[in-house]
Every structure is written in C-alpha cells, then in structure tokens.
Amino acid sequence: MTNEAIIEKIHDFMVDEFEVDSEKLIPEANLKETLGLDSLDYIDLVVVIENNFKFKVKPEDFTNIASLQDFYDYVISRVNSKELA
C-alpha cells in the first residue's frame, strides 16, 4: 500500500467515522485541539486502525502522536513494517 493510499484511507475514516471537516485534515492539525478528538475517540480510532490496516495498536504507541502528520507517520511505518515481515 502506498503512503498516499494510506493517507487517503485515514482521511476517509476521519471524515466518515469521526465527522472531522475534511478541510481541517492538514498535516499540522493537532488531533485533540484542531480535529476535536477526545479520549473516547482515541479508543474508537484504535479499533478503526486495526480494522482498516490489520495491525494491533498498543496504547503507548499514541503517547508521541499529537499532529495528523505524527499519525500518518505512525500508520505508514506500521503498515510498511508489516508488509516487510
């Protein structure tokens, strides 16, 4: 899966599942402050990631994710490492 395809899939579920305005989906956007995700959304986000990208997410993985770019980088690195395995 290409990085562009991963980012597009992330945008799709952010709009569909979390009702985020697509215009706010820029790499610098803060997940909590700009996109309005709360702690319950993070739980749902883990489930959506696991269903869409087929890898397990550990809660501690989210400690360094603040921006949408951090989130892209995390998912891309996990998908790429899974594909190499």
N, C-alpha and C. Protein backbone atom coordinates (compact mmCIF):
# COMPACT_ATOMS: atom_id res chain seq x y z
N MET A 1 0.86 -1.18 0.00
CA MET A 1 0.00 0.00 0.00
C MET A 1 0.90 1.24 0.00
N THR A 2 0.62 2.18 -0.86
CA THR A 2 1.44 3.39 -0.96
C THR A 2 1.11 4.34 0.19
N ASN A 3 2.06 5.24 0.46
CA ASN A 3 1.83 6.25 1.50
C ASN A 3 0.60 7.09 1.18
N GLU A 4 0.42 7.44 -0.08
CA GLU A 4 -0.74 8.24 -0.50
C GLU A 4 -2.04 7.49 -0.24
N ALA A 5 -2.05 6.19 -0.50
CA ALA A 5 -3.25 5.38 -0.26
C ALA A 5 -3.57 5.29 1.23
N ILE A 6 -2.52 5.19 2.05
CA ILE A 6 -2.72 5.14 3.50
C ILE A 6 -3.31 6.46 3.99
N ILE A 7 -2.74 7.58 3.54
CA ILE A 7 -3.23 8.89 3.95
C ILE A 7 -4.67 9.10 3.48
N GLU A 8 -4.98 8.67 2.27
CA GLU A 8 -6.35 8.80 1.76
C GLU A 8 -7.33 7.99 2.61
N LYS A 9 -6.92 6.79 3.00
CA LYS A 9 -7.78 5.94 3.84
C LYS A 9 -7.99 6.59 5.21
N ILE A 10 -6.92 7.18 5.76
CA ILE A 10 -7.02 7.88 7.04
C ILE A 10 -8.01 9.04 6.92
N HIS A 11 -7.89 9.82 5.86
CA HIS A 11 -8.81 10.94 5.65
C HIS A 11 -10.24 10.44 5.54
N ASP A 12 -10.45 9.35 4.81
CA ASP A 12 -11.80 8.80 4.65
C ASP A 12 -12.42 8.46 5.99
N PHE A 13 -11.69 7.75 6.85
CA PHE A 13 -12.32 7.37 8.11
C PHE A 13 -12.38 8.52 9.11
N MET A 14 -11.49 9.49 9.00
CA MET A 14 -11.60 10.67 9.88
C MET A 14 -12.89 11.45 9.56
N VAL A 15 -13.23 11.55 8.30
CA VAL A 15 -14.45 12.25 7.89
C VAL A 15 -15.68 11.39 8.19
N ASP A 16 -15.65 10.11 7.81
CA ASP A 16 -16.82 9.25 7.95
C ASP A 16 -17.10 8.82 9.40
N GLU A 17 -16.06 8.40 10.11
CA GLU A 17 -16.25 7.85 11.45
C GLU A 17 -16.24 8.92 12.55
N PHE A 18 -15.44 9.96 12.36
CA PHE A 18 -15.24 10.94 13.42
C PHE A 18 -15.81 12.32 13.08
N GLU A 19 -16.44 12.42 11.91
CA GLU A 19 -17.11 13.64 11.46
C GLU A 19 -16.19 14.86 11.51
N VAL A 20 -14.93 14.66 11.12
CA VAL A 20 -13.97 15.75 11.04
C VAL A 20 -14.17 16.44 9.69
N ASP A 21 -14.17 17.75 9.70
CA ASP A 21 -14.28 18.54 8.48
C ASP A 21 -13.04 18.26 7.63
N SER A 22 -13.24 17.85 6.39
CA SER A 22 -12.12 17.46 5.52
C SER A 22 -11.12 18.61 5.32
N GLU A 23 -11.58 19.84 5.43
CA GLU A 23 -10.68 20.99 5.26
C GLU A 23 -9.70 21.13 6.42
N LYS A 24 -10.01 20.50 7.55
CA LYS A 24 -9.11 20.55 8.71
C LYS A 24 -8.01 19.47 8.63
N LEU A 25 -8.12 18.57 7.67
CA LEU A 25 -7.18 17.46 7.58
C LEU A 25 -5.90 17.88 6.87
N ILE A 26 -5.07 18.61 7.62
CA ILE A 26 -3.77 19.03 7.13
C ILE A 26 -2.72 18.43 8.06
N PRO A 27 -1.52 18.18 7.57
CA PRO A 27 -0.51 17.50 8.41
C PRO A 27 -0.25 18.17 9.75
N GLU A 28 -0.34 19.50 9.82
CA GLU A 28 -0.04 20.21 11.07
C GLU A 28 -1.18 20.16 12.07
N ALA A 29 -2.34 19.69 11.68
CA ALA A 29 -3.51 19.69 12.56
C ALA A 29 -3.26 18.85 13.81
N ASN A 30 -3.59 19.42 14.97
CA ASN A 30 -3.48 18.71 16.23
C ASN A 30 -4.73 17.83 16.39
N LEU A 31 -4.52 16.56 16.74
CA LEU A 31 -5.65 15.63 16.82
C LEU A 31 -6.69 16.06 17.85
N LYS A 32 -6.24 16.57 18.99
CA LYS A 32 -7.17 16.96 20.04
C LYS A 32 -7.74 18.35 19.80
N GLU A 33 -6.85 19.32 19.64
CA GLU A 33 -7.30 20.71 19.58
C GLU A 33 -7.93 21.08 18.24
N THR A 34 -7.30 20.72 17.14
CA THR A 34 -7.81 21.12 15.83
C THR A 34 -8.93 20.19 15.35
N LEU A 35 -8.72 18.89 15.52
CA LEU A 35 -9.70 17.92 15.00
C LEU A 35 -10.76 17.55 16.02
N GLY A 36 -10.56 17.92 17.27
CA GLY A 36 -11.57 17.71 18.29
C GLY A 36 -11.72 16.29 18.79
N LEU A 37 -10.68 15.47 18.65
CA LEU A 37 -10.77 14.10 19.14
C LEU A 37 -10.57 14.09 20.65
N ASP A 38 -11.40 13.29 21.34
CA ASP A 38 -11.25 13.16 22.78
C ASP A 38 -10.81 11.74 23.12
N SER A 39 -10.72 11.43 24.41
CA SER A 39 -10.19 10.12 24.81
C SER A 39 -11.05 8.96 24.31
N LEU A 40 -12.36 9.14 24.24
CA LEU A 40 -13.21 8.09 23.69
C LEU A 40 -12.97 7.91 22.19
N ASP A 41 -12.73 9.03 21.49
CA ASP A 41 -12.41 8.94 20.07
C ASP A 41 -11.12 8.16 19.84
N TYR A 42 -10.16 8.32 20.75
CA TYR A 42 -8.90 7.59 20.60
C TYR A 42 -9.13 6.09 20.69
N ILE A 43 -10.03 5.67 21.57
CA ILE A 43 -10.37 4.24 21.68
C ILE A 43 -10.98 3.76 20.37
N ASP A 44 -11.92 4.54 19.84
CA ASP A 44 -12.54 4.19 18.56
C ASP A 44 -11.50 4.20 17.44
N LEU A 45 -10.57 5.14 17.51
CA LEU A 45 -9.53 5.25 16.49
C LEU A 45 -8.67 3.99 16.45
N VAL A 46 -8.37 3.43 17.61
CA VAL A 46 -7.60 2.19 17.67
C VAL A 46 -8.34 1.08 16.93
N VAL A 47 -9.63 0.96 17.18
CA VAL A 47 -10.44 -0.08 16.53
C VAL A 47 -10.46 0.13 15.01
N VAL A 48 -10.64 1.39 14.59
CA VAL A 48 -10.70 1.70 13.16
C VAL A 48 -9.36 1.39 12.50
N ILE A 49 -8.26 1.73 13.16
CA ILE A 49 -6.93 1.43 12.61
C ILE A 49 -6.75 -0.07 12.46
N GLU A 50 -7.08 -0.80 13.51
CA GLU A 50 -6.90 -2.25 13.48
C GLU A 50 -7.75 -2.89 12.39
N ASN A 51 -8.97 -2.40 12.20
CA ASN A 51 -9.85 -2.95 11.16
C ASN A 51 -9.39 -2.59 9.76
N ASN A 52 -8.91 -1.37 9.57
CA ASN A 52 -8.52 -0.90 8.24
C ASN A 52 -7.13 -1.34 7.81
N PHE A 53 -6.21 -1.41 8.77
CA PHE A 53 -4.82 -1.67 8.40
C PHE A 53 -4.29 -3.01 8.91
N LYS A 54 -5.11 -3.73 9.67
CA LYS A 54 -4.79 -5.10 10.09
C LYS A 54 -3.51 -5.22 10.91
N PHE A 55 -3.30 -4.31 11.85
CA PHE A 55 -2.24 -4.49 12.83
C PHE A 55 -2.75 -4.05 14.18
N LYS A 56 -2.14 -4.59 15.23
CA LYS A 56 -2.54 -4.28 16.60
C LYS A 56 -1.89 -2.98 17.06
N VAL A 57 -2.66 -2.18 17.76
CA VAL A 57 -2.17 -0.91 18.29
C VAL A 57 -2.05 -1.03 19.80
N LYS A 58 -0.89 -0.61 20.32
CA LYS A 58 -0.70 -0.58 21.78
C LYS A 58 -0.99 0.84 22.25
N PRO A 59 -1.64 0.99 23.39
CA PRO A 59 -1.97 2.34 23.88
C PRO A 59 -0.74 3.26 23.97
N GLU A 60 0.40 2.70 24.35
CA GLU A 60 1.61 3.53 24.47
C GLU A 60 2.09 4.06 23.12
N ASP A 61 1.64 3.46 22.02
CA ASP A 61 2.00 3.95 20.69
C ASP A 61 1.50 5.38 20.46
N PHE A 62 0.44 5.75 21.15
CA PHE A 62 -0.17 7.06 20.95
C PHE A 62 0.47 8.17 21.79
N THR A 63 1.40 7.83 22.65
CA THR A 63 1.97 8.86 23.53
C THR A 63 2.71 9.95 22.77
N ASN A 64 3.29 9.62 21.63
CA ASN A 64 4.06 10.61 20.87
C ASN A 64 3.31 11.13 19.65
N ILE A 65 2.01 10.85 19.56
CA ILE A 65 1.22 11.29 18.41
C ILE A 65 0.38 12.49 18.82
N ALA A 66 0.73 13.65 18.27
CA ALA A 66 -0.04 14.86 18.58
C ALA A 66 -0.68 15.42 17.31
N SER A 67 0.07 15.41 16.22
CA SER A 67 -0.43 16.00 14.97
C SER A 67 -0.90 14.92 14.01
N LEU A 68 -1.60 15.34 13.01
CA LEU A 68 -2.04 14.41 11.97
C LEU A 68 -0.83 13.82 11.26
N GLN A 69 0.24 14.62 11.07
CA GLN A 69 1.46 14.10 10.44
C GLN A 69 2.08 12.99 11.29
N ASP A 70 2.09 13.16 12.62
CA ASP A 70 2.58 12.10 13.51
C ASP A 70 1.76 10.83 13.31
N PHE A 71 0.46 11.00 13.17
CA PHE A 71 -0.44 9.87 12.98
C PHE A 71 -0.16 9.19 11.64
N TYR A 72 -0.02 9.99 10.56
CA TYR A 72 0.34 9.42 9.25
C TYR A 72 1.62 8.59 9.38
N ASP A 73 2.65 9.21 9.97
CA ASP A 73 3.96 8.56 10.07
C ASP A 73 3.85 7.25 10.84
N TYR A 74 3.09 7.25 11.92
CA TYR A 74 2.91 6.04 12.72
C TYR A 74 2.26 4.93 11.89
N VAL A 75 1.14 5.22 11.26
CA VAL A 75 0.42 4.20 10.49
C VAL A 75 1.28 3.72 9.31
N ILE A 76 1.91 4.65 8.61
CA ILE A 76 2.75 4.28 7.46
C ILE A 76 3.89 3.36 7.90
N SER A 77 4.55 3.71 9.01
CA SER A 77 5.67 2.87 9.46
C SER A 77 5.18 1.48 9.88
N ARG A 78 4.04 1.41 10.55
CA ARG A 78 3.50 0.10 10.97
C ARG A 78 3.06 -0.72 9.77
N VAL A 79 2.41 -0.10 8.79
CA VAL A 79 1.98 -0.84 7.60
C VAL A 79 3.21 -1.33 6.83
N ASN A 80 4.19 -0.48 6.66
CA ASN A 80 5.40 -0.87 5.94
C ASN A 80 6.16 -1.98 6.65
N SER A 81 6.26 -1.92 7.98
CA SER A 81 6.96 -2.97 8.70
C SER A 81 6.20 -4.29 8.62
N LYS A 82 4.87 -4.20 8.60
CA LYS A 82 4.05 -5.41 8.48
C LYS A 82 4.24 -6.04 7.10
N GLU A 83 4.31 -5.19 6.06
CA GLU A 83 4.46 -5.70 4.70
C GLU A 83 5.84 -6.33 4.49
N LEU A 84 6.85 -5.87 5.23
CA LEU A 84 8.19 -6.41 5.10
C LEU A 84 8.35 -7.73 5.86
N ALA A 85 7.48 -7.96 6.83
CA ALA A 85 7.58 -9.17 7.66
C ALA A 85 7.17 -10.42 6.91
